[in-house]
Amino acid sequence: MSTNPSSVEPGLKIAAQVTPEPTDKDLAFIRQMGVDYVVLWTDGAHASYEYYASRRELFREAGLTVYGFGNRDVHNNDAIVLNLPGRDARIEQYKDHILNLGQAGIPYTTYAHMANGIWSSEPETTRGGARARAFNVDSATAVGFWPGHEYHRPLSHDRRYTEDEIWANFETFIRQVVPVAEEAGVKIGIHPDDPPVPELGGVPRCIFSTFDGYRRAMEIADSPNVGLCLCVGCWLEGGEMMGRDVIETIRYFGKQRKLFKIHFRNVSQPLPYFVETFLDDGYMDMYSVMRALREVDFDGVIIADHIPLMGGDPRVGTAFSIGYMKALIERANAEFA
């Protein structure tokens, strides 16, 4: 029925995050960067076996492998996180998404458990005037966003929720999803909260904003098919609030084979205020991150994410980031040869 995720080529690999409806120019750009894997996102209207299989074949014909496919309709879904009306139907939709991926031979999907989206302040600039996302805890204009939704303070959902509610809702979700993921042979990587602060809009961010929260969540899931989509940028945003630094986190979950996908990005400084930066221009030495991934024999994919707008063309920043990442991989592999 499905492709076992272990059949993916071993070793450090870069994937391009691209549209599932690429042009010939898009496909040429990916190949010219020397990238062999892609990760894709779609919405519920296209979340079918037929669509997933057709995308896998389209990219295969271009010499590329689809590593992961996300469904935005059941990612950062407030009904699931907060047990709102329609929650059970959304969980069933998520289970269908997993089964369709497995049937199409796509081994991975990313999931995030944020009820009110990714929060940002007004965009700012980083090196050379490149436009970049920013977040300031004290900004009166900060809002949460997910496609089709915008969330505001003080209460994004008209009341305050407790940490116990968020944990109970996660447990309900993951216990239903685990058997389906294991049956389908699909791995689920859970993305950190962004930004990883204790609460936003009356909703606690108590699970995927700390190392201990992740550790407890993995114990609840208790499955080889549930692990981390480790966003290095989010971990750097949280800084000391995460409980363990990103290198310790990679070593801990990497040794457990719980790292499935890495979002490779840097920021100017930890919370309460940060600006996303180019990989070589933030407060983290990104080679130390790549070296840690090589040290634990990470064999998922690494993507460039939230790239500042370089030269007025998104492709320029993508090419810069992926070229930089390829050099770090070559250095790490040589060090461990």
Protein backbone atom coordinates (compact mmCIF):
# COMPACT_ATOMS: atom_id res chain seq x y z
CA MET A 1 0.00 0.00 0.00
CA SER A 2 2.74 2.46 0.88
CA THR A 3 6.39 3.26 0.58
CA ASN A 4 8.34 2.64 3.77
CA PRO A 5 10.05 5.89 4.86
CA SER A 6 13.25 3.93 5.48
CA SER A 7 13.55 3.51 1.68
CA VAL A 8 14.54 7.18 1.38
CA GLU A 9 18.24 7.62 0.59
CA PRO A 10 20.35 7.80 3.78
CA GLY A 11 22.46 10.79 4.79
CA LEU A 12 22.02 14.57 4.95
CA LYS A 13 19.73 15.71 2.14
CA ILE A 14 18.40 19.08 1.04
CA ALA A 15 14.84 19.45 -0.21
CA ALA A 16 13.35 22.43 -2.01
CA GLN A 17 10.00 23.65 -0.72
CA VAL A 18 8.04 24.32 -3.91
CA THR A 19 4.60 24.57 -5.42
CA PRO A 20 2.88 21.31 -6.36
CA GLU A 21 2.05 22.95 -9.69
CA PRO A 22 5.55 23.74 -10.98
CA THR A 23 6.41 25.27 -14.33
CA ASP A 24 9.23 23.90 -16.46
CA LYS A 25 11.26 26.87 -15.23
CA ASP A 26 10.58 25.88 -11.60
CA LEU A 27 11.74 22.32 -12.23
CA ALA A 28 14.87 23.48 -14.03
CA PHE A 29 15.70 25.83 -11.15
CA ILE A 30 15.50 22.97 -8.63
CA ARG A 31 17.67 20.69 -10.74
CA GLN A 32 20.20 23.45 -11.40
CA MET A 33 20.69 23.89 -7.64
CA GLY A 34 21.60 20.20 -7.44
CA VAL A 35 18.60 19.31 -5.27
CA ASP A 36 16.97 15.88 -5.57
CA TYR A 37 14.03 16.15 -3.13
CA VAL A 38 11.02 18.41 -2.79
CA VAL A 39 8.38 19.07 -0.14
CA LEU A 40 4.95 20.32 -1.15
CA TRP A 41 1.83 21.87 0.38
CA THR A 42 -1.75 21.94 -0.77
CA ASP A 43 -5.24 22.59 0.59
CA GLY A 44 -8.11 20.30 1.40
CA ALA A 45 -9.62 20.58 -2.08
CA HIS A 46 -6.62 18.72 -3.51
CA ALA A 47 -5.85 16.38 -0.61
CA SER A 48 -6.64 13.14 -2.42
CA TYR A 49 -4.74 10.00 -3.33
CA GLU A 50 -5.11 10.87 -7.01
CA TYR A 51 -3.60 14.32 -6.59
CA TYR A 52 -0.75 13.14 -4.37
CA ALA A 53 0.09 10.32 -6.79
CA SER A 54 -0.04 12.67 -9.78
CA ARG A 55 2.39 15.09 -8.10
CA ARG A 56 4.73 12.26 -7.20
CA GLU A 57 4.77 11.15 -10.84
CA LEU A 58 5.19 14.70 -12.20
CA PHE A 59 8.27 15.33 -10.06
CA ARG A 60 9.61 11.81 -10.66
CA GLU A 61 9.59 12.48 -14.39
CA ALA A 62 11.73 15.56 -13.67
CA GLY A 63 14.21 13.47 -11.67
CA LEU A 64 12.94 14.63 -8.27
CA THR A 65 11.53 12.75 -5.28
CA VAL A 66 8.59 14.04 -3.24
CA TYR A 67 9.67 13.53 0.38
CA GLY A 68 6.75 15.26 2.08
CA PHE A 69 3.32 16.70 1.41
CA GLY A 70 1.38 18.94 3.81
CA ASN A 71 -2.33 19.78 3.91
CA ARG A 72 -2.94 23.32 5.17
CA ASP A 73 -6.57 22.60 6.06
CA VAL A 74 -5.55 20.26 8.89
CA HIS A 75 -2.33 22.04 9.90
CA ASN A 76 -2.56 24.73 12.60
CA ASN A 77 -6.25 23.89 12.81
CA ASP A 78 -8.01 25.58 15.71
CA ALA A 79 -10.83 23.02 15.85
CA ILE A 80 -8.29 20.26 16.57
CA VAL A 81 -6.22 22.28 19.04
CA LEU A 82 -9.13 23.81 20.97
CA ASN A 83 -11.83 21.13 20.57
CA LEU A 84 -14.14 23.47 18.68
CA PRO A 85 -17.24 22.34 16.78
CA GLY A 86 -16.18 20.14 13.87
CA ARG A 87 -13.10 18.80 15.69
CA ASP A 88 -13.91 15.13 15.04
CA ALA A 89 -14.52 15.77 11.35
CA ARG A 90 -11.15 17.53 11.09
CA ILE A 91 -9.39 14.59 12.74
CA GLU A 92 -11.04 12.26 10.24
CA GLN A 93 -9.88 14.57 7.46
CA TYR A 94 -6.34 14.38 8.82
CA LYS A 95 -6.49 10.58 8.94
CA ASP A 96 -7.64 10.53 5.31
CA HIS A 97 -4.70 12.79 4.43
CA ILE A 98 -2.29 10.29 5.99
CA LEU A 99 -3.88 7.28 4.29
CA ASN A 100 -3.80 9.04 0.91
CA LEU A 101 -0.12 9.87 1.34
CA GLY A 102 0.71 6.29 2.20
CA GLN A 103 -1.21 4.95 -0.77
CA ALA A 104 0.61 7.43 -3.03
CA GLY A 105 3.99 6.35 -1.66
CA ILE A 106 4.84 9.68 -0.01
CA PRO A 107 6.59 8.98 3.30
CA TYR A 108 6.24 12.18 5.33
CA THR A 109 4.02 15.10 6.35
CA THR A 110 4.48 18.08 8.68
CA TYR A 111 1.95 18.93 11.38
CA ALA A 112 1.74 22.00 13.65
CA HIS A 113 -0.50 22.34 16.71
CA MET A 114 -1.06 26.11 16.82
CA ALA A 115 -4.63 27.31 17.30
CA ASN A 116 -4.03 30.89 16.19
CA GLY A 117 -1.32 30.73 13.58
CA ILE A 118 2.17 32.14 13.15
CA TRP A 119 2.49 35.59 14.77
CA SER A 120 4.48 38.45 13.30
CA SER A 121 4.97 42.16 13.78
CA GLU A 122 5.45 44.54 10.87
CA PRO A 123 8.14 43.30 8.42
CA GLU A 124 11.60 44.74 8.94
CA THR A 125 14.90 44.58 7.09
CA THR A 126 17.97 42.50 7.60
CA ARG A 127 21.39 42.67 5.89
CA GLY A 128 21.50 45.02 2.93
CA GLY A 129 17.90 46.08 3.36
CA ALA A 130 16.38 42.68 2.59
CA ARG A 131 12.74 42.51 3.70
CA ALA A 132 12.27 39.97 6.49
CA ARG A 133 9.72 38.73 9.01
CA ALA A 134 10.00 40.07 12.55
CA PHE A 135 8.26 39.59 15.87
CA ASN A 136 8.23 41.78 18.95
CA VAL A 137 6.31 40.55 21.99
CA ASP A 138 5.45 44.15 22.88
CA SER A 139 4.22 45.15 19.42
CA ALA A 140 0.62 46.35 19.42
CA THR A 141 0.32 45.44 15.73
CA ALA A 142 1.44 41.81 16.03
CA VAL A 143 -1.10 39.37 14.56
CA GLY A 144 -1.38 35.64 14.04
CA PHE A 145 -1.85 34.38 10.51
CA TRP A 146 -2.63 31.15 8.72
CA PRO A 147 -4.02 31.13 5.15
CA GLY A 148 -7.61 32.27 5.33
CA HIS A 149 -7.38 33.30 8.98
CA GLU A 150 -6.08 36.27 10.98
CA TYR A 151 -5.92 36.27 14.79
CA HIS A 152 -5.71 39.21 17.19
CA ARG A 153 -5.12 39.97 20.84
CA PRO A 154 -6.33 39.97 23.51
CA LEU A 155 -8.37 36.79 22.89
CA SER A 156 -8.19 35.13 19.49
CA HIS A 157 -11.06 32.75 20.35
CA ASP A 158 -13.12 34.83 22.79
CA ARG A 159 -11.89 33.16 25.97
CA ARG A 160 -8.78 31.92 27.72
CA TYR A 161 -7.84 28.25 27.46
CA THR A 162 -5.93 26.22 30.03
CA GLU A 163 -2.79 24.18 29.51
CA ASP A 164 -4.71 21.07 30.57
CA GLU A 165 -7.18 21.64 27.73
CA ILE A 166 -4.41 21.97 25.15
CA TRP A 167 -2.71 18.80 26.37
CA ALA A 168 -5.97 16.84 26.45
CA ASN A 169 -6.84 17.93 22.93
CA PHE A 170 -3.42 16.94 21.64
CA GLU A 171 -3.69 13.53 23.27
CA THR A 172 -7.12 12.96 21.70
CA PHE A 173 -5.75 13.89 18.28
CA ILE A 174 -2.50 11.97 18.35
CA ARG A 175 -3.94 8.74 19.79
CA GLN A 176 -6.38 8.57 16.88
CA VAL A 177 -3.75 9.43 14.28
CA VAL A 178 -0.91 7.12 15.36
CA PRO A 179 -2.48 3.80 14.26
CA VAL A 180 -3.32 5.30 10.87
CA ALA A 181 0.22 6.65 10.36
CA GLU A 182 1.73 3.31 11.30
CA GLU A 183 -0.62 1.45 8.96
CA ALA A 184 0.10 3.85 6.10
CA GLY A 185 3.87 3.93 6.65
CA VAL A 186 3.84 7.74 6.90
CA LYS A 187 5.94 9.75 9.34
CA ILE A 188 4.54 12.88 10.99
CA GLY A 189 7.00 15.61 12.03
CA ILE A 190 5.56 18.13 14.50
CA HIS A 191 6.70 21.73 14.00
CA PRO A 192 7.46 24.03 16.96
CA ASP A 193 5.12 26.87 17.87
CA ASP A 194 6.14 30.07 16.11
CA PRO A 195 6.90 32.16 18.04
CA PRO A 196 7.47 29.83 21.02
CA VAL A 197 6.04 32.01 23.76
CA PRO A 198 3.99 30.79 26.76
CA GLU A 199 0.68 32.24 25.50
CA LEU A 200 -0.76 34.22 22.60
CA GLY A 201 -4.31 35.45 22.23
CA GLY A 202 -5.48 33.56 25.30
CA VAL A 203 -4.17 30.21 24.02
CA PRO A 204 -1.26 28.53 25.86
CA ARG A 205 1.66 27.39 23.71
CA CYS A 206 2.61 24.82 26.30
CA ILE A 207 3.49 21.74 24.25
CA PHE A 208 5.67 22.59 21.27
CA SER A 209 7.42 25.62 22.74
CA THR A 210 9.85 23.77 25.02
CA PHE A 211 12.10 20.75 25.04
CA ASP A 212 10.18 19.21 27.93
CA GLY A 213 6.88 19.74 26.13
CA TYR A 214 8.20 17.90 23.08
CA ARG A 215 9.57 15.09 25.21
CA ARG A 216 6.22 14.59 26.93
CA ALA A 217 4.36 14.76 23.60
CA MET A 218 6.62 12.10 22.10
CA GLU A 219 5.99 9.86 25.12
CA ILE A 220 2.23 10.28 24.66
CA ALA A 221 2.44 9.48 20.94
CA ASP A 222 4.76 6.52 21.63
CA SER A 223 5.25 5.75 17.95
CA PRO A 224 8.19 5.49 15.56
CA ASN A 225 6.01 7.38 13.07
CA VAL A 226 5.65 10.54 15.18
CA GLY A 227 8.66 12.80 15.62
CA LEU A 228 9.95 16.31 15.00
CA CYS A 229 9.96 18.73 12.16
CA LEU A 230 12.67 20.67 13.96
CA CYS A 231 12.57 24.31 12.97
CA VAL A 232 15.97 25.63 13.96
CA GLY A 233 14.68 29.18 13.59
CA CYS A 234 11.87 28.65 16.12
CA TRP A 235 14.31 27.06 18.56
CA LEU A 236 16.61 30.05 18.20
CA GLU A 237 13.67 32.41 18.67
CA GLY A 238 12.91 30.76 22.01
CA GLY A 239 16.51 30.77 23.23
CA GLU A 240 16.84 29.81 26.89
CA MET A 241 13.05 29.49 27.22
CA MET A 242 13.20 26.26 25.20
CA GLY A 243 14.92 24.47 28.11
CA ARG A 244 17.65 22.92 25.96
CA ASP A 245 19.60 24.56 23.16
CA VAL A 246 19.19 23.39 19.57
CA ILE A 247 22.38 21.29 19.57
CA GLU A 248 21.32 19.40 22.70
CA THR A 249 17.86 18.95 21.19
CA ILE A 250 19.29 17.49 17.97
CA ARG A 251 21.46 15.08 19.93
CA TYR A 252 18.61 13.95 22.20
CA PHE A 253 15.90 13.41 19.60
CA GLY A 254 18.35 12.44 16.85
CA LYS A 255 19.63 9.51 18.87
CA GLN A 256 15.98 8.43 19.30
CA ARG A 257 15.48 8.59 15.49
CA LYS A 258 12.80 11.24 16.08
CA LEU A 259 14.10 13.91 13.68
CA PHE A 260 12.30 13.67 10.33
CA LYS A 261 12.71 17.13 8.76
CA ILE A 262 14.72 20.25 9.55
CA HIS A 263 13.81 23.87 8.82
CA PHE A 264 17.23 25.48 8.52
CA ARG A 265 17.05 29.20 9.36
CA ASN A 266 18.67 31.81 11.56
CA VAL A 267 17.43 34.85 13.52
CA SER A 268 18.99 38.03 14.86
CA GLN A 269 18.49 37.24 18.56
CA PRO A 270 16.12 35.37 20.89
CA LEU A 271 12.77 36.64 22.10
CA PRO A 272 11.29 39.03 23.13
CA TYR A 273 12.23 40.50 19.73
CA PHE A 274 13.80 38.96 16.65
CA VAL A 275 14.21 39.50 12.92
CA GLU A 276 14.71 36.57 10.57
CA THR A 277 18.08 36.72 8.84
CA PHE A 278 20.20 35.10 6.18
CA LEU A 279 21.89 31.90 7.34
CA ASP A 280 25.28 33.57 7.79
CA ASP A 281 23.94 36.70 9.46
CA GLY A 282 22.12 35.58 12.65
CA TYR A 283 23.29 34.82 16.16
CA MET A 284 23.74 31.07 15.55
CA ASP A 285 26.74 29.39 13.95
CA MET A 286 24.78 27.28 11.48
CA TYR A 287 27.69 24.95 10.82
CA SER A 288 27.42 23.71 14.40
CA VAL A 289 23.80 22.80 13.65
CA MET A 290 24.70 20.91 10.47
CA ARG A 291 27.56 19.18 12.25
CA ALA A 292 25.20 18.01 15.01
CA LEU A 293 22.82 16.60 12.39
CA ARG A 294 25.68 14.67 10.80
CA GLU A 295 26.84 13.50 14.22
CA VAL A 296 23.47 11.80 14.89
CA ASP A 297 23.25 10.39 11.33
CA PHE A 298 20.16 12.43 10.48
CA ASP A 299 18.68 11.00 7.29
CA GLY A 300 15.57 13.13 6.67
CA VAL A 301 15.56 16.33 4.64
CA ILE A 302 16.68 19.87 5.39
CA ILE A 303 14.89 22.85 3.85
CA ALA A 304 15.55 26.57 3.64
CA ASP A 305 12.57 28.37 5.16
CA HIS A 306 11.37 31.95 5.84
CA ILE A 307 14.10 33.34 3.60
CA PRO A 308 14.51 37.15 3.57
CA LEU A 309 13.67 38.68 0.21
CA MET A 310 17.02 38.97 -1.59
CA GLY A 311 17.44 41.12 -4.68
CA GLY A 312 13.68 41.52 -4.97
CA ASP A 313 13.35 37.94 -6.25
CA PRO A 314 12.48 34.98 -3.96
CA ARG A 315 14.58 32.64 -6.11
CA VAL A 316 17.76 34.56 -5.37
CA GLY A 317 17.48 34.01 -1.62
CA THR A 318 16.54 30.37 -2.14
CA ALA A 319 19.59 29.75 -4.31
CA PHE A 320 21.85 31.57 -1.84
CA SER A 321 20.48 29.60 1.11
CA ILE A 322 20.65 26.20 -0.57
CA GLY A 323 24.16 26.86 -1.87
CA TYR A 324 25.24 27.77 1.66
CA MET A 325 23.59 24.65 3.07
CA LYS A 326 25.25 22.41 0.50
CA ALA A 327 28.64 23.77 1.50
CA LEU A 328 27.91 23.09 5.18
CA ILE A 329 26.89 19.52 4.36
CA GLU A 330 30.08 18.91 2.37
CA ARG A 331 32.14 20.20 5.30
CA ALA A 332 30.23 18.09 7.86
CA ASN A 333 30.47 14.95 5.77
CA ALA A 334 34.22 15.49 5.27
CA GLU A 335 34.69 15.94 9.02
CA PHE A 336 32.99 12.62 9.74
CA ALA A 337 34.50 10.70 6.82
